[in-house]
C-alpha atoms as a PDB file:
ATOM      1  CA  MET A   1       2.231 -19.250   0.909  1.00  0.00           C
ATOM      2  CA  HIS A   2      -0.304 -18.465  -1.802  1.00  0.00           C
ATOM      3  CA  VAL A   3       1.701 -20.528  -4.292  1.00  0.00           C
ATOM      4  CA  VAL A   4       1.610 -23.552  -1.975  1.00  0.00           C
ATOM      5  CA  ALA A   5      -2.096 -23.059  -1.296  1.00  0.00           C
ATOM      6  CA  ALA A   6      -2.786 -22.808  -5.031  1.00  0.00           C
ATOM      7  CA  SER A   7      -0.730 -25.902  -5.850  1.00  0.00           C
ATOM      8  CA  LEU A   8      -2.566 -27.900  -3.179  1.00  0.00           C
ATOM      9  CA  GLU A   9      -5.909 -26.467  -4.327  1.00  0.00           C
ATOM     10  CA  TRP A  10      -6.664 -25.033  -0.896  1.00  0.00           C
ATOM     11  CA  HIS A  11      -8.939 -22.370  -2.282  1.00  0.00           C
ATOM     12  CA  LEU A  12      -9.956 -20.742   0.998  1.00  0.00           C
ATOM     13  CA  LEU A  13      -6.371 -20.396   2.230  1.00  0.00           C
ATOM     14  CA  PHE A  14      -5.309 -19.092  -1.183  1.00  0.00           C
ATOM     15  CA  ARG A  15      -8.009 -16.419  -1.105  1.00  0.00           C
ATOM     16  CA  LEU A  16      -7.182 -15.408   2.473  1.00  0.00           C
ATOM     17  CA  VAL A  17      -3.486 -15.056   1.639  1.00  0.00           C
ATOM     18  CA  ALA A  18      -4.299 -13.149  -1.572  1.00  0.00           C
ATOM     19  CA  LEU A  19      -6.567 -10.824   0.398  1.00  0.00           C
ATOM     20  CA  SER A  20      -3.802 -10.270   2.956  1.00  0.00           C
ATOM     21  CA  ILE A  21      -1.290  -9.451   0.214  1.00  0.00           C
ATOM     22  CA  THR A  22      -3.791  -7.083  -1.409  1.00  0.00           C
ATOM     23  CA  PHE A  23      -4.392  -5.273   1.884  1.00  0.00           C
ATOM     24  CA  GLN A  24      -0.643  -5.006   2.543  1.00  0.00           C
ATOM     25  CA  ILE A  25       0.025  -3.504  -0.873  1.00  0.00           C
ATOM     26  CA  PHE A  26      -2.882  -1.046  -0.841  1.00  0.00           C
ATOM     27  CA  PHE A  27      -1.941   0.145   2.660  1.00  0.00           C
ATOM     28  CA  PHE A  28       1.836  -0.158   2.267  1.00  0.00           C
ATOM     29  CA  GLY A  29       2.531   3.449   3.307  1.00  0.00           C
ATOM     30  CA  PRO A  30       0.329   3.555   6.420  1.00  0.00           C
ATOM     31  CA  LEU A  31       1.523   0.102   7.499  1.00  0.00           C
ATOM     32  CA  THR A  32       5.157   1.121   7.066  1.00  0.00           C
ATOM     33  CA  VAL A  33       4.559   4.307   9.068  1.00  0.00           C
ATOM     34  CA  TRP A  34       2.841   2.298  11.793  1.00  0.00           C
ATOM     35  CA  ILE A  35       5.647  -0.285  11.954  1.00  0.00           C
ATOM     36  CA  GLN A  36       8.338   2.410  11.996  1.00  0.00           C
ATOM     37  CA  ASP A  37       6.654   4.285  14.872  1.00  0.00           C
ATOM     38  CA  ALA A  38       8.749   7.424  14.320  1.00  0.00           C
ATOM     39  CA  PRO A  39       8.593  10.118  17.002  1.00  0.00           C
ATOM     40  CA  SER A  40       7.780  13.028  14.669  1.00  0.00           C
ATOM     41  CA  ARG A  41       5.163  13.698  12.012  1.00  0.00           C
ATOM     42  CA  LEU A  42       7.902  14.816   9.636  1.00  0.00           C
ATOM     43  CA  GLU A  43       9.667  11.450   9.904  1.00  0.00           C
ATOM     44  CA  ARG A  44       6.355   9.597   9.494  1.00  0.00           C
ATOM     45  CA  ARG A  45       5.497  11.699   6.441  1.00  0.00           C
ATOM     46  CA  ARG A  46       8.926  11.025   4.916  1.00  0.00           C
ATOM     47  CA  THR A  47       8.498   7.311   5.573  1.00  0.00           C
ATOM     48  CA  ASN A  48       5.123   7.345   3.842  1.00  0.00           C
ATOM     49  CA  GLY A  49       6.656   9.182   0.884  1.00  0.00           C
ATOM     50  CA  MET A  50       9.496   6.675   0.631  1.00  0.00           C
ATOM     51  CA  ALA A  51       7.020   3.789   0.917  1.00  0.00           C
ATOM     52  CA  THR A  52       5.371   5.031  -2.273  1.00  0.00           C
ATOM     53  CA  ILE A  53       8.462   3.993  -4.258  1.00  0.00           C
ATOM     54  CA  PRO A  54       8.037   0.225  -3.707  1.00  0.00           C
ATOM     55  CA  ALA A  55       4.240   0.439  -3.377  1.00  0.00           C
ATOM     56  CA  LEU A  56       3.649   1.411  -6.999  1.00  0.00           C
ATOM     57  CA  PRO A  57       5.581  -1.499  -8.602  1.00  0.00           C
ATOM     58  CA  LEU A  58       3.953  -3.869  -6.104  1.00  0.00           C
ATOM     59  CA  THR A  59       0.585  -2.474  -7.160  1.00  0.00           C
ATOM     60  CA  LEU A  60       1.395  -3.125 -10.812  1.00  0.00           C
ATOM     61  CA  GLY A  61       2.272  -6.727  -9.934  1.00  0.00           C
ATOM     62  CA  LEU A  62      -0.969  -7.049  -8.000  1.00  0.00           C
ATOM     63  CA  ALA A  63      -2.955  -5.677 -10.947  1.00  0.00           C
ATOM     64  CA  TRP A  64      -1.202  -8.146 -13.246  1.00  0.00           C
ATOM     65  CA  ALA A  65      -2.113 -11.041 -10.921  1.00  0.00           C
ATOM     66  CA  TYR A  66      -5.743  -9.959 -10.559  1.00  0.00           C
ATOM     67  CA  GLY A  67      -5.898  -9.429 -14.326  1.00  0.00           C
ATOM     68  CA  GLY A  68      -5.323 -13.146 -14.894  1.00  0.00           C
ATOM     69  CA  MET A  69      -1.562 -12.841 -15.357  1.00  0.00           C
ATOM     70  CA  SER A  70      -2.025 -10.339 -18.159  1.00  0.00           C
ATOM     71  CA  TRP A  71      -2.365  -6.585 -18.385  1.00  0.00           C
ATOM     72  CA  ASN A  72      -5.868  -5.263 -17.999  1.00  0.00           C
ATOM     73  CA  ILE A  73      -5.808  -1.472 -18.211  1.00  0.00           C
ATOM     74  CA  PHE A  74      -8.948  -1.104 -16.075  1.00  0.00           C
ATOM     75  CA  THR A  75      -7.453  -3.195 -13.263  1.00  0.00           C
ATOM     76  CA  VAL A  76      -4.180  -1.281 -13.460  1.00  0.00           C
ATOM     77  CA  ILE A  77      -5.940   2.090 -13.273  1.00  0.00           C
ATOM     78  CA  VAL A  78      -8.178   1.013 -10.379  1.00  0.00           C
ATOM     79  CA  PHE A  79      -5.376  -0.574  -8.347  1.00  0.00           C
ATOM     80  CA  VAL A  80      -2.909   2.267  -8.918  1.00  0.00           C
ATOM     81  CA  GLY A  81      -5.715   4.702  -8.072  1.00  0.00           C
ATOM     82  CA  ILE A  82      -6.468   2.936  -4.794  1.00  0.00           C
ATOM     83  CA  THR A  83      -2.806   2.788  -3.792  1.00  0.00           C
ATOM     84  CA  ALA A  84      -2.146   6.393  -4.785  1.00  0.00           C
ATOM     85  CA  SER A  85      -5.264   7.535  -2.910  1.00  0.00           C
ATOM     86  CA  VAL A  86      -4.259   5.733   0.275  1.00  0.00           C
ATOM     87  CA  GLN A  87      -0.674   7.000   0.039  1.00  0.00           C
ATOM     88  CA  GLY A  88      -1.886  10.536  -0.669  1.00  0.00           C
ATOM     89  CA  TRP A  89      -4.443  10.420   2.142  1.00  0.00           C
ATOM     90  CA  MET A  90      -1.733   9.346   4.587  1.00  0.00           C
ATOM     91  CA  HIS A  91       0.618  12.041   3.314  1.00  0.00           C
ATOM     92  CA  MET A  92      -2.033  14.746   3.750  1.00  0.00           C
ATOM     93  CA  THR A  93      -3.081  13.411   7.151  1.00  0.00           C
ATOM     94  CA  LEU A  94       0.481  13.695   8.402  1.00  0.00           C
ATOM     95  CA  ALA A  95       0.655  17.297   7.171  1.00  0.00           C
ATOM     96  CA  ASP A  96      -2.663  18.371   8.709  1.00  0.00           C
ATOM     97  CA  ASP A  97      -1.553  19.968  11.975  1.00  0.00           C
ATOM     98  CA  ALA A  98      -1.983  23.721  12.423  1.00  0.00           C
ATOM     99  CA  HIS A  99      -0.073  23.763  15.720  1.00  0.00           C
ATOM    100  CA  SER A 100       3.207  22.670  14.219  1.00  0.00           C
ATOM    101  CA  SER A 101       6.016  25.094  13.474  1.00  0.00           C
ATOM    102  CA  VAL A 102       7.711  23.355  10.533  1.00  0.00           C
ATOM    103  CA  GLY A 103       5.496  23.421   7.463  1.00  0.00           C
ATOM    104  CA  GLY A 104       2.584  21.814   9.278  1.00  0.00           C
ATOM    105  CA  LEU A 105       4.754  19.021  10.698  1.00  0.00           C
ATOM    106  CA  LYS A 106       6.033  18.220  14.169  1.00  0.00           C
END
């Protein structure tokens, strides 16, 4: 959709779609956990961990796009940092339950 918007010079639509893609990549783990709607914290935590695998290459692609279709080390570090922070926050949030009997997970 962003390719079509760019080719038609629909700048507002292009920016909205780019923002949506950015949000989806930065919050890939939490969104995947939310969509999965697993019954246990352990399953949700595993899902978040598995979501990290595709999230990091997607983040590199996003950094490349925001860097003007070239590698900008600052953009890469910032984008990977944001994605890793969100993934890590979700992972720790799913482990933060003192009432659980299996390693902090239900």
